[in-house]
Full PDB file with SEQRES, HELIX, SHEET, SSBOND, CRYST1, ORIGX, SCALE, CONECT and MASTER records, all heavy atoms in Angstrom:
SEQRES   1 A   34  ASN LEU ASP ASN PHE LEU ALA ASP PHE ASN LYS THR ASP          
SEQRES   2 A   34  GLU LEU LEU LYS GLU ILE LEU GLY PRO TYR PHE SER THR          
SEQRES   3 A   34  ARG VAL ILE ARG CYS PRO GLY GLY                              
HELIX    1 AA1 LEU A    2  LEU A   20  1                                  19    
CRYST1    1.000    1.000    1.000  90.00  90.00  90.00 P 1           1          
ORIGX1      1.000000  0.000000  0.000000        0.00000                         
ORIGX2      0.000000  1.000000  0.000000        0.00000                         
ORIGX3      0.000000  0.000000  1.000000        0.00000                         
SCALE1      1.000000  0.000000  0.000000        0.00000                         
SCALE2      0.000000  1.000000  0.000000        0.00000                         
SCALE3      0.000000  0.000000  1.000000        0.00000                         
ATOM      1  N   ASN A   1     125.973  76.796  -7.832  1.00  0.00           N  
ATOM      2  CA  ASN A   1     127.323  77.183  -8.224  1.00  0.00           C  
ATOM      3  C   ASN A   1     127.778  76.157  -9.246  1.00  0.00           C  
ATOM      4  O   ASN A   1     128.141  75.029  -8.896  1.00  0.00           O  
ATOM      5  CB  ASN A   1     128.256  77.196  -7.012  1.00  0.00           C  
ATOM      6  CG  ASN A   1     129.659  77.664  -7.368  1.00  0.00           C  
ATOM      7  OD1 ASN A   1     130.267  77.172  -8.312  1.00  0.00           O  
ATOM      8  ND2 ASN A   1     130.169  78.615  -6.609  1.00  0.00           N  
ATOM      9  N   LEU A   2     127.751  76.539 -10.517  1.00  0.00           N  
ATOM     10  CA  LEU A   2     127.979  75.568 -11.585  1.00  0.00           C  
ATOM     11  C   LEU A   2     129.372  74.960 -11.513  1.00  0.00           C  
ATOM     12  O   LEU A   2     129.534  73.749 -11.732  1.00  0.00           O  
ATOM     13  CB  LEU A   2     127.757  76.222 -12.955  1.00  0.00           C  
ATOM     14  CG  LEU A   2     127.862  75.274 -14.157  1.00  0.00           C  
ATOM     15  CD1 LEU A   2     126.817  74.173 -14.076  1.00  0.00           C  
ATOM     16  CD2 LEU A   2     127.715  76.052 -15.470  1.00  0.00           C  
ATOM     17  N   ASP A   3     130.382  75.758 -11.209  1.00  0.00           N  
ATOM     18  CA  ASP A   3     131.748  75.232 -11.126  1.00  0.00           C  
ATOM     19  C   ASP A   3     131.863  74.171 -10.040  1.00  0.00           C  
ATOM     20  O   ASP A   3     132.443  73.097 -10.253  1.00  0.00           O  
ATOM     21  CB  ASP A   3     132.749  76.365 -10.857  1.00  0.00           C  
ATOM     22  CG  ASP A   3     132.917  77.286 -12.053  1.00  0.00           C  
ATOM     23  OD1 ASP A   3     132.610  76.857 -13.173  1.00  0.00           O  
ATOM     24  OD2 ASP A   3     133.345  78.440 -11.863  1.00  0.00           O  
ATOM     25  N   ASN A   4     131.326  74.467  -8.867  1.00  0.00           N  
ATOM     26  CA  ASN A   4     131.346  73.487  -7.769  1.00  0.00           C  
ATOM     27  C   ASN A   4     130.561  72.237  -8.145  1.00  0.00           C  
ATOM     28  O   ASN A   4     130.981  71.107  -7.857  1.00  0.00           O  
ATOM     29  CB  ASN A   4     130.747  74.094  -6.500  1.00  0.00           C  
ATOM     30  CG  ASN A   4     131.617  75.174  -5.892  1.00  0.00           C  
ATOM     31  OD1 ASN A   4     132.731  75.426  -6.359  1.00  0.00           O  
ATOM     32  ND2 ASN A   4     131.124  75.812  -4.845  1.00  0.00           N  
ATOM     33  N   PHE A   5     129.415  72.463  -8.765  1.00  0.00           N  
ATOM     34  CA  PHE A   5     128.532  71.362  -9.149  1.00  0.00           C  
ATOM     35  C   PHE A   5     129.238  70.411 -10.112  1.00  0.00           C  
ATOM     36  O   PHE A   5     129.257  69.194  -9.907  1.00  0.00           O  
ATOM     37  CB  PHE A   5     127.272  71.940  -9.786  1.00  0.00           C  
ATOM     38  CG  PHE A   5     126.177  70.954 -10.046  1.00  0.00           C  
ATOM     39  CD1 PHE A   5     125.138  70.792  -9.147  1.00  0.00           C  
ATOM     40  CD2 PHE A   5     126.156  70.188 -11.214  1.00  0.00           C  
ATOM     41  CE1 PHE A   5     124.107  69.887  -9.389  1.00  0.00           C  
ATOM     42  CE2 PHE A   5     125.148  69.286 -11.462  1.00  0.00           C  
ATOM     43  CZ  PHE A   5     124.119  69.135 -10.548  1.00  0.00           C  
ATOM     44  N   LEU A   6     129.829  70.972 -11.179  1.00  0.00           N  
ATOM     45  CA  LEU A   6     130.480  70.131 -12.191  1.00  0.00           C  
ATOM     46  C   LEU A   6     131.697  69.414 -11.615  1.00  0.00           C  
ATOM     47  O   LEU A   6     131.931  68.239 -11.917  1.00  0.00           O  
ATOM     48  CB  LEU A   6     130.876  70.978 -13.392  1.00  0.00           C  
ATOM     49  CG  LEU A   6     129.723  71.581 -14.201  1.00  0.00           C  
ATOM     50  CD1 LEU A   6     130.267  72.418 -15.357  1.00  0.00           C  
ATOM     51  CD2 LEU A   6     128.781  70.504 -14.718  1.00  0.00           C  
ATOM     52  N   ALA A   7     132.469  70.113 -10.791  1.00  0.00           N  
ATOM     53  CA  ALA A   7     133.645  69.476 -10.173  1.00  0.00           C  
ATOM     54  C   ALA A   7     133.226  68.303  -9.302  1.00  0.00           C  
ATOM     55  O   ALA A   7     133.868  67.245  -9.305  1.00  0.00           O  
ATOM     56  CB  ALA A   7     134.419  70.504  -9.355  1.00  0.00           C  
ATOM     57  N   ASP A   8     132.136  68.481  -8.573  1.00  0.00           N  
ATOM     58  CA  ASP A   8     131.633  67.436  -7.674  1.00  0.00           C  
ATOM     59  C   ASP A   8     131.157  66.220  -8.471  1.00  0.00           C  
ATOM     60  O   ASP A   8     131.498  65.077  -8.159  1.00  0.00           O  
ATOM     61  CB  ASP A   8     130.497  68.012  -6.831  1.00  0.00           C  
ATOM     62  CG  ASP A   8     130.226  67.204  -5.575  1.00  0.00           C  
ATOM     63  OD1 ASP A   8     130.985  67.353  -4.601  1.00  0.00           O  
ATOM     64  OD2 ASP A   8     129.254  66.423  -5.570  1.00  0.00           O  
ATOM     65  N   PHE A   9     130.388  66.471  -9.511  1.00  0.00           N  
ATOM     66  CA  PHE A   9     129.865  65.372 -10.328  1.00  0.00           C  
ATOM     67  C   PHE A   9     130.977  64.686 -11.123  1.00  0.00           C  
ATOM     68  O   PHE A   9     130.959  63.460 -11.290  1.00  0.00           O  
ATOM     69  CB  PHE A   9     128.768  65.882 -11.267  1.00  0.00           C  
ATOM     70  CG  PHE A   9     127.407  65.879 -10.637  1.00  0.00           C  
ATOM     71  CD1 PHE A   9     127.068  66.816  -9.677  1.00  0.00           C  
ATOM     72  CD2 PHE A   9     126.464  64.926 -10.991  1.00  0.00           C  
ATOM     73  CE1 PHE A   9     125.810  66.811  -9.082  1.00  0.00           C  
ATOM     74  CE2 PHE A   9     125.205  64.906 -10.400  1.00  0.00           C  
ATOM     75  CZ  PHE A   9     124.873  65.860  -9.439  1.00  0.00           C  
ATOM     76  N   ASN A  10     131.938  65.473 -11.605  1.00  0.00           N  
ATOM     77  CA  ASN A  10     133.047  64.872 -12.356  1.00  0.00           C  
ATOM     78  C   ASN A  10     133.861  63.916 -11.494  1.00  0.00           C  
ATOM     79  O   ASN A  10     134.412  62.926 -11.994  1.00  0.00           O  
ATOM     80  CB  ASN A  10     133.954  65.967 -12.927  1.00  0.00           C  
ATOM     81  CG  ASN A  10     133.316  66.689 -14.100  1.00  0.00           C  
ATOM     82  OD1 ASN A  10     132.404  66.166 -14.739  1.00  0.00           O  
ATOM     83  ND2 ASN A  10     133.765  67.901 -14.378  1.00  0.00           N  
ATOM     84  N   LYS A  11     133.931  64.211 -10.214  1.00  0.00           N  
ATOM     85  CA  LYS A  11     134.667  63.336  -9.304  1.00  0.00           C  
ATOM     86  C   LYS A  11     134.015  61.951  -9.246  1.00  0.00           C  
ATOM     87  O   LYS A  11     134.702  60.916  -9.236  1.00  0.00           O  
ATOM     88  CB  LYS A  11     134.728  63.964  -7.910  1.00  0.00           C  
ATOM     89  CG  LYS A  11     135.774  63.345  -6.994  1.00  0.00           C  
ATOM     90  CD  LYS A  11     135.940  64.176  -5.728  1.00  0.00           C  
ATOM     91  CE  LYS A  11     137.011  63.571  -4.817  1.00  0.00           C  
ATOM     92  NZ  LYS A  11     137.191  64.365  -3.580  1.00  0.00           N  
ATOM     93  N   THR A  12     132.696  61.917  -9.235  1.00  0.00           N  
ATOM     94  CA  THR A  12     131.989  60.627  -9.261  1.00  0.00           C  
ATOM     95  C   THR A  12     132.134  59.955 -10.623  1.00  0.00           C  
ATOM     96  O   THR A  12     132.277  58.728 -10.698  1.00  0.00           O  
ATOM     97  CB  THR A  12     130.508  60.813  -8.906  1.00  0.00           C  
ATOM     98  OG1 THR A  12     130.413  61.286  -7.556  1.00  0.00           O  
ATOM     99  CG2 THR A  12     129.733  59.511  -9.017  1.00  0.00           C  
ATOM    100  N   ASP A  13     132.113  60.739 -11.695  1.00  0.00           N  
ATOM    101  CA  ASP A  13     132.325  60.163 -13.032  1.00  0.00           C  
ATOM    102  C   ASP A  13     133.663  59.428 -13.103  1.00  0.00           C  
ATOM    103  O   ASP A  13     133.740  58.311 -13.643  1.00  0.00           O  
ATOM    104  CB  ASP A  13     132.307  61.269 -14.097  1.00  0.00           C  
ATOM    105  CG  ASP A  13     130.905  61.591 -14.575  1.00  0.00           C  
ATOM    106  OD1 ASP A  13     130.016  60.737 -14.421  1.00  0.00           O  
ATOM    107  OD2 ASP A  13     130.700  62.692 -15.107  1.00  0.00           O  
ATOM    108  N   GLU A  14     134.705  60.045 -12.586  1.00  0.00           N  
ATOM    109  CA  GLU A  14     136.027  59.426 -12.607  1.00  0.00           C  
ATOM    110  C   GLU A  14     136.050  58.153 -11.765  1.00  0.00           C  
ATOM    111  O   GLU A  14     136.668  57.160 -12.140  1.00  0.00           O  
ATOM    112  CB  GLU A  14     137.090  60.409 -12.109  1.00  0.00           C  
ATOM    113  CG  GLU A  14     137.354  61.566 -13.062  1.00  0.00           C  
ATOM    114  CD  GLU A  14     137.748  61.097 -14.445  1.00  0.00           C  
ATOM    115  OE1 GLU A  14     138.620  60.212 -14.548  1.00  0.00           O  
ATOM    116  OE2 GLU A  14     137.174  61.603 -15.438  1.00  0.00           O  
ATOM    117  N   LEU A  15     135.370  58.184 -10.643  1.00  0.00           N  
ATOM    118  CA  LEU A  15     135.291  57.000  -9.787  1.00  0.00           C  
ATOM    119  C   LEU A  15     134.580  55.857 -10.518  1.00  0.00           C  
ATOM    120  O   LEU A  15     135.013  54.693 -10.443  1.00  0.00           O  
ATOM    121  CB  LEU A  15     134.557  57.350  -8.491  1.00  0.00           C  
ATOM    122  CG  LEU A  15     134.361  56.220  -7.480  1.00  0.00           C  
ATOM    123  CD1 LEU A  15     135.691  55.624  -7.039  1.00  0.00           C  
ATOM    124  CD2 LEU A  15     133.574  56.725  -6.265  1.00  0.00           C  
ATOM    125  N   LEU A  16     133.516  56.175 -11.227  1.00  0.00           N  
ATOM    126  CA  LEU A  16     132.778  55.144 -11.969  1.00  0.00           C  
ATOM    127  C   LEU A  16     133.625  54.553 -13.093  1.00  0.00           C  
ATOM    128  O   LEU A  16     133.536  53.350 -13.372  1.00  0.00           O  
ATOM    129  CB  LEU A  16     131.476  55.722 -12.530  1.00  0.00           C  
ATOM    130  CG  LEU A  16     130.407  56.052 -11.483  1.00  0.00           C  
ATOM    131  CD1 LEU A  16     129.213  56.746 -12.131  1.00  0.00           C  
ATOM    132  CD2 LEU A  16     129.945  54.788 -10.752  1.00  0.00           C  
ATOM    133  N   LYS A  17     134.454  55.373 -13.718  1.00  0.00           N  
ATOM    134  CA  LYS A  17     135.362  54.845 -14.743  1.00  0.00           C  
ATOM    135  C   LYS A  17     136.391  53.901 -14.132  1.00  0.00           C  
ATOM    136  O   LYS A  17     136.772  52.903 -14.744  1.00  0.00           O  
ATOM    137  CB  LYS A  17     136.071  56.001 -15.469  1.00  0.00           C  
ATOM    138  CG  LYS A  17     135.186  56.773 -16.436  1.00  0.00           C  
ATOM    139  CD  LYS A  17     135.984  57.822 -17.179  1.00  0.00           C  
ATOM    140  CE  LYS A  17     135.085  58.720 -18.018  1.00  0.00           C  
ATOM    141  NZ  LYS A  17     134.320  57.989 -19.045  1.00  0.00           N  
ATOM    142  N   GLU A  18     136.844  54.205 -12.932  1.00  0.00           N  
ATOM    143  CA  GLU A  18     137.775  53.307 -12.245  1.00  0.00           C  
ATOM    144  C   GLU A  18     137.122  51.960 -11.961  1.00  0.00           C  
ATOM    145  O   GLU A  18     137.768  50.910 -12.042  1.00  0.00           O  
ATOM    146  CB  GLU A  18     138.232  53.939 -10.928  1.00  0.00           C  
ATOM    147  CG  GLU A  18     139.154  55.143 -11.086  1.00  0.00           C  
ATOM    148  CD  GLU A  18     139.483  55.776  -9.744  1.00  0.00           C  
ATOM    149  OE1 GLU A  18     139.264  55.102  -8.710  1.00  0.00           O  
ATOM    150  OE2 GLU A  18     139.942  56.933  -9.725  1.00  0.00           O  
ATOM    151  N   ILE A  19     135.825  51.984 -11.650  1.00  0.00           N  
ATOM    152  CA  ILE A  19     135.112  50.758 -11.279  1.00  0.00           C  
ATOM    153  C   ILE A  19     134.659  49.968 -12.509  1.00  0.00           C  
ATOM    154  O   ILE A  19     134.846  48.744 -12.589  1.00  0.00           O  
ATOM    155  CB  ILE A  19     133.883  51.101 -10.406  1.00  0.00           C  
ATOM    156  CG1 ILE A  19     134.325  51.752  -9.090  1.00  0.00           C  
ATOM    157  CG2 ILE A  19     133.052  49.850 -10.129  1.00  0.00           C  
ATOM    158  CD1 ILE A  19     133.183  52.375  -8.304  1.00  0.00           C  
ATOM    159  N   LEU A  20     134.080  50.672 -13.485  1.00  0.00           N  
ATOM    160  CA  LEU A  20     133.441  50.007 -14.622  1.00  0.00           C  
ATOM    161  C   LEU A  20     134.268  50.045 -15.897  1.00  0.00           C  
ATOM    162  O   LEU A  20     133.891  49.446 -16.904  1.00  0.00           O  
ATOM    163  CB  LEU A  20     132.067  50.643 -14.880  1.00  0.00           C  
ATOM    164  CG  LEU A  20     131.072  50.517 -13.717  1.00  0.00           C  
ATOM    165  CD1 LEU A  20     129.798  51.299 -14.015  1.00  0.00           C  
ATOM    166  CD2 LEU A  20     130.759  49.065 -13.407  1.00  0.00           C  
ATOM    167  N   GLY A  21     135.402  50.748 -15.858  1.00  0.00           N  
ATOM    168  CA  GLY A  21     136.291  50.782 -17.010  1.00  0.00           C  
ATOM    169  C   GLY A  21     136.228  52.107 -17.746  1.00  0.00           C  
ATOM    170  O   GLY A  21     135.250  52.858 -17.632  1.00  0.00           O  
ATOM    171  N   PRO A  22     137.263  52.406 -18.527  1.00  0.00           N  
ATOM    172  CA  PRO A  22     137.381  53.710 -19.190  1.00  0.00           C  
ATOM    173  C   PRO A  22     136.333  53.967 -20.256  1.00  0.00           C  
ATOM    174  O   PRO A  22     136.137  55.107 -20.666  1.00  0.00           O  
ATOM    175  CB  PRO A  22     138.786  53.664 -19.797  1.00  0.00           C  
ATOM    176  CG  PRO A  22     139.078  52.203 -19.977  1.00  0.00           C  
ATOM    177  CD  PRO A  22     138.422  51.527 -18.814  1.00  0.00           C  
ATOM    178  N   TYR A  23     135.648  52.921 -20.723  1.00  0.00           N  
ATOM    179  CA  TYR A  23     134.645  53.118 -21.759  1.00  0.00           C  
ATOM    180  C   TYR A  23     133.272  53.458 -21.190  1.00  0.00           C  
ATOM    181  O   TYR A  23     132.335  53.712 -21.942  1.00  0.00           O  
ATOM    182  CB  TYR A  23     134.535  51.872 -22.645  1.00  0.00           C  
ATOM    183  CG  TYR A  23     135.749  51.658 -23.502  1.00  0.00           C  
ATOM    184  CD1 TYR A  23     136.706  50.706 -23.177  1.00  0.00           C  
ATOM    185  CD2 TYR A  23     135.964  52.430 -24.638  1.00  0.00           C  
ATOM    186  CE1 TYR A  23     137.835  50.527 -23.960  1.00  0.00           C  
ATOM    187  CE2 TYR A  23     137.084  52.255 -25.430  1.00  0.00           C  
ATOM    188  CZ  TYR A  23     138.013  51.302 -25.090  1.00  0.00           C  
ATOM    189  OH  TYR A  23     139.131  51.128 -25.871  1.00  0.00           O  
ATOM    190  N   PHE A  24     133.155  53.473 -19.860  1.00  0.00           N  
ATOM    191  CA  PHE A  24     131.863  53.797 -19.247  1.00  0.00           C  
ATOM    192  C   PHE A  24     131.710  55.298 -19.061  1.00  0.00           C  
ATOM    193  O   PHE A  24     132.640  56.000 -18.694  1.00  0.00           O  
ATOM    194  CB  PHE A  24     131.706  53.127 -17.883  1.00  0.00           C  
ATOM    195  CG  PHE A  24     130.433  53.558 -17.185  1.00  0.00           C  
ATOM    196  CD1 PHE A  24     129.230  52.964 -17.494  1.00  0.00           C  
ATOM    197  CD2 PHE A  24     130.443  54.603 -16.263  1.00  0.00           C  
ATOM    198  CE1 PHE A  24     128.049  53.377 -16.893  1.00  0.00           C  
ATOM    199  CE2 PHE A  24     129.273  55.025 -15.656  1.00  0.00           C  
ATOM    200  CZ  PHE A  24     128.069  54.408 -15.965  1.00  0.00           C  
ATOM    201  N   SER A  25     130.501  55.770 -19.313  1.00  0.00           N  
ATOM    202  CA  SER A  25     130.119  57.134 -18.955  1.00  0.00           C  
ATOM    203  C   SER A  25     128.608  57.140 -18.762  1.00  0.00           C  
ATOM    204  O   SER A  25     127.918  56.199 -19.149  1.00  0.00           O  
ATOM    205  CB  SER A  25     130.504  58.138 -20.039  1.00  0.00           C  
ATOM    206  OG  SER A  25     129.774  57.888 -21.229  1.00  0.00           O  
ATOM    207  N   THR A  26     128.109  58.183 -18.128  1.00  0.00           N  
ATOM    208  CA  THR A  26     126.666  58.338 -18.019  1.00  0.00           C  
ATOM    209  C   THR A  26     126.295  59.754 -18.380  1.00  0.00           C  
ATOM    210  O   THR A  26     127.039  60.690 -18.100  1.00  0.00           O  
ATOM    211  CB  THR A  26     126.154  58.002 -16.610  1.00  0.00           C  
ATOM    212  OG1 THR A  26     124.727  58.207 -16.583  1.00  0.00           O  
ATOM    213  CG2 THR A  26     126.800  58.890 -15.553  1.00  0.00           C  
ATOM    214  N   ARG A  27     125.199  59.910 -19.057  1.00  0.00           N  
ATOM    215  CA  ARG A  27     124.721  61.256 -19.388  1.00  0.00           C  
ATOM    216  C   ARG A  27     123.537  61.640 -18.510  1.00  0.00           C  
ATOM    217  O   ARG A  27     122.924  62.685 -18.708  1.00  0.00           O  
ATOM    218  CB  ARG A  27     124.338  61.344 -20.861  1.00  0.00           C  
ATOM    219  CG  ARG A  27     123.131  60.522 -21.256  1.00  0.00           C  
ATOM    220  CD  ARG A  27     122.789  60.757 -22.714  1.00  0.00           C  
ATOM    221  NE  ARG A  27     121.505  60.157 -23.060  1.00  0.00           N  
ATOM    222  CZ  ARG A  27     120.622  60.708 -23.882  1.00  0.00           C  
ATOM    223  NH1 ARG A  27     120.871  61.871 -24.436  1.00  0.00           N  
ATOM    224  NH2 ARG A  27     119.489  60.099 -24.158  1.00  0.00           N  
ATOM    225  N   VAL A  28     123.214  60.783 -17.530  1.00  0.00           N  
ATOM    226  CA  VAL A  28     122.054  61.001 -16.671  1.00  0.00           C  
ATOM    227  C   VAL A  28     122.506  61.396 -15.269  1.00  0.00           C  
ATOM    228  O   VAL A  28     123.327  60.709 -14.658  1.00  0.00           O  
ATOM    229  CB  VAL A  28     121.178  59.737 -16.602  1.00  0.00           C  
ATOM    230  CG1 VAL A  28     119.934  59.988 -15.754  1.00  0.00           C  
ATOM    231  CG2 VAL A  28     120.780  59.277 -18.004  1.00  0.00           C  
ATOM    232  N   ILE A  29     121.968  62.503 -14.775  1.00  0.00           N  
ATOM    233  CA  ILE A  29     122.269  62.933 -13.419  1.00  0.00           C  
ATOM    234  C   ILE A  29     120.965  63.170 -12.655  1.00  0.00           C  
ATOM    235  O   ILE A  29     119.896  63.311 -13.257  1.00  0.00           O  
ATOM    236  CB  ILE A  29     123.115  64.230 -13.393  1.00  0.00           C  
ATOM    237  CG1 ILE A  29     122.291  65.430 -13.878  1.00  0.00           C  
ATOM    238  CG2 ILE A  29     124.381  64.079 -14.235  1.00  0.00           C  
ATOM    239  CD1 ILE A  29     122.944  66.765 -13.613  1.00  0.00           C  
ATOM    240  N   ARG A  30     121.079  63.184 -11.356  1.00  0.00           N  
ATOM    241  CA  ARG A  30     119.979  63.654 -10.505  1.00  0.00           C  
ATOM    242  C   ARG A  30     120.567  64.639  -9.519  1.00  0.00           C  
ATOM    243  O   ARG A  30     121.534  64.333  -8.816  1.00  0.00           O  
ATOM    244  CB  ARG A  30     119.281  62.502  -9.786  1.00  0.00           C  
ATOM    245  CG  ARG A  30     118.209  62.962  -8.800  1.00  0.00           C  
ATOM    246  CD  ARG A  30     117.353  61.791  -8.304  1.00  0.00           C  
ATOM    247  NE  ARG A  30     116.355  61.415  -9.292  1.00  0.00           N  
ATOM    248  CZ  ARG A  30     115.666  60.270  -9.244  1.00  0.00           C  
ATOM    249  NH1 ARG A  30     115.914  59.382  -8.291  1.00  0.00           N  
ATOM    250  NH2 ARG A  30     114.759  60.001 -10.167  1.00  0.00           N  
ATOM    251  N   CYS A  31     120.021  65.830  -9.521  1.00  0.00           N  
ATOM    252  CA  CYS A  31     120.512  66.872  -8.615  1.00  0.00           C  
ATOM    253  C   CYS A  31     120.120  66.524  -7.186  1.00  0.00           C  
ATOM    254  O   CYS A  31     118.935  66.248  -6.916  1.00  0.00           O  
ATOM    255  CB  CYS A  31     119.906  68.218  -8.979  1.00  0.00           C  
ATOM    256  SG  CYS A  31     120.265  68.763 -10.649  1.00  0.00           S  
ATOM    257  N   PRO A  32     121.069  66.523  -6.245  1.00  0.00           N  
ATOM    258  CA  PRO A  32     120.698  66.333  -4.840  1.00  0.00           C  
ATOM    259  C   PRO A  32     119.641  67.359  -4.425  1.00  0.00           C  
ATOM    260  O   PRO A  32     119.774  68.551  -4.694  1.00  0.00           O  
ATOM    261  CB  PRO A  32     122.017  66.569  -4.105  1.00  0.00           C  
ATOM    262  CG  PRO A  32     123.061  66.138  -5.092  1.00  0.00           C  
ATOM    263  CD  PRO A  32     122.533  66.592  -6.424  1.00  0.00           C  
ATOM    264  N   GLY A  33     118.581  66.862  -3.815  1.00  0.00           N  
ATOM    265  CA  GLY A  33     117.467  67.734  -3.451  1.00  0.00           C  
ATOM    266  C   GLY A  33     116.488  67.979  -4.574  1.00  0.00           C  
ATOM    267  O   GLY A  33     115.426  68.566  -4.370  1.00  0.00           O  
ATOM    268  N   GLY A  34     116.835  67.530  -5.783  1.00  0.00           N  
ATOM    269  CA  GLY A  34     115.956  67.719  -6.934  1.00  0.00           C  
ATOM    270  C   GLY A  34     116.237  69.007  -7.681  1.00  0.00           C  
ATOM    271  O   GLY A  34     116.515  70.050  -7.074  1.00  0.00           O  
TER     272      GLY A  34                                                      
MASTER        0    0    0    1    0    0    0    6  271    1    0    3          
END                                                                             
């Protein structure tokens, strides 16, 4: 479910920006389960 997937991953992206700063992003993902 692409909508659920992107919403879930975006939530972690926002958390990482809170931790590492607004200039951080990652273009690398790993799908749970592969």
